[in-house]
Amino acid sequence: MNESTNKNTAICDFMRCERCKEEIYKLEKCDFCSRKICRDCTKSSKNPSKLTRSVICKDCWSDMKKRTKYKSYFKPGRRFEREER
């Protein structure tokens, strides 16, 4: 019984937003800082194609270099190409 309690605690710690520390069900990964963030901490997200999704958090949005890089992905007539990390 004690082991199951420890497992549940570990799952709850895993499902926390790394920006606001709120416990949530669905996390998304910011493409620029690689943190797992909740919907409230997501500033913008776009689907350039059916298979890809780009997300930027509020902290990265305040950094102008990261914001212009995010916006440059979605210029009209240009295909989405994500850099390999």
Protein backbone atom coordinates (compact mmCIF):
# COMPACT_ATOMS: atom_id res chain seq x y z
CA MET A 1 0.00 0.00 0.00
CA ASN A 2 2.85 2.36 0.73
CA GLU A 3 4.46 1.67 -2.66
CA SER A 4 1.31 2.65 -4.55
CA THR A 5 1.19 5.94 -2.66
CA ASN A 6 4.77 6.68 -3.68
CA LYS A 7 3.99 5.88 -7.31
CA ASN A 8 1.01 8.26 -7.31
CA THR A 9 3.13 11.02 -5.82
CA ALA A 10 5.78 10.50 -8.50
CA ILE A 11 3.15 10.77 -11.24
CA CYS A 12 1.77 13.98 -9.76
CA ASP A 13 5.24 15.55 -9.60
CA PHE A 14 5.82 14.59 -13.23
CA MET A 15 2.62 16.31 -14.39
CA ARG A 16 3.51 19.79 -13.17
CA CYS A 17 4.08 22.85 -15.29
CA GLU A 18 7.74 23.86 -15.14
CA ARG A 19 6.88 27.55 -15.37
CA CYS A 20 4.01 28.04 -12.88
CA LYS A 21 4.30 24.71 -10.98
CA GLU A 22 0.58 24.04 -11.41
CA GLU A 23 -0.56 20.41 -11.50
CA ILE A 24 -2.22 19.70 -14.85
CA TYR A 25 -3.35 16.88 -17.08
CA LYS A 26 -1.87 17.92 -20.46
CA LEU A 27 1.59 19.37 -20.93
CA GLU A 28 3.18 20.79 -24.05
CA LYS A 29 6.84 21.37 -24.70
CA CYS A 30 8.06 24.86 -25.59
CA ASP A 31 10.12 24.68 -28.79
CA PHE A 32 12.56 27.34 -27.62
CA CYS A 33 13.32 26.63 -23.93
CA SER A 34 12.27 22.93 -23.91
CA ARG A 35 10.22 23.29 -20.72
CA LYS A 36 6.96 21.42 -20.23
CA ILE A 37 4.25 24.05 -19.88
CA CYS A 38 0.49 24.18 -19.31
CA ARG A 39 -2.10 25.92 -21.49
CA ASP A 40 -2.10 29.01 -19.26
CA CYS A 41 1.66 29.50 -19.76
CA THR A 42 1.45 29.02 -23.54
CA LYS A 43 1.57 32.35 -25.30
CA SER A 44 1.03 31.09 -28.83
CA SER A 45 0.82 27.82 -30.75
CA LYS A 46 0.42 27.11 -34.43
CA ASN A 47 -0.06 24.10 -36.65
CA PRO A 48 1.88 24.75 -39.86
CA SER A 49 0.99 21.27 -41.11
CA LYS A 50 -1.04 18.30 -39.98
CA LEU A 51 1.97 16.63 -38.37
CA THR A 52 3.82 19.51 -36.69
CA ARG A 53 2.86 21.90 -33.91
CA SER A 54 4.95 24.79 -32.67
CA VAL A 55 4.50 26.20 -29.16
CA ILE A 56 6.12 29.21 -27.48
CA CYS A 57 5.78 30.05 -23.77
CA LYS A 58 5.26 33.49 -22.25
CA ASP A 59 8.88 33.75 -21.08
CA CYS A 60 10.27 33.03 -24.55
CA TRP A 61 7.72 35.42 -26.10
CA SER A 62 9.27 38.30 -24.12
CA ASP A 63 12.69 37.53 -25.66
CA MET A 64 12.66 39.31 -29.04
CA LYS A 65 15.16 36.96 -30.70
CA LYS A 66 13.05 33.91 -29.89
CA ARG A 67 9.83 35.68 -30.86
CA THR A 68 11.12 36.72 -34.29
CA LYS A 69 12.42 33.18 -34.83
CA TYR A 70 8.96 31.81 -33.94
CA LYS A 71 7.19 34.24 -36.25
CA SER A 72 9.62 33.65 -39.13
CA TYR A 73 8.52 29.99 -39.29
CA PHE A 74 5.11 31.01 -40.54
CA LYS A 75 5.75 33.42 -43.39
CA PRO A 76 3.29 32.92 -46.27
CA GLY A 77 4.50 30.53 -48.95
CA ARG A 78 7.25 29.08 -46.78
CA ARG A 79 7.35 25.54 -45.48
CA PHE A 80 7.85 24.87 -41.81
CA GLU A 81 11.36 23.58 -41.14
CA ARG A 82 12.27 22.91 -37.54
CA GLU A 83 15.93 22.90 -36.58
CA GLU A 84 17.33 19.61 -35.32
CA ARG A 85 18.57 19.73 -31.73
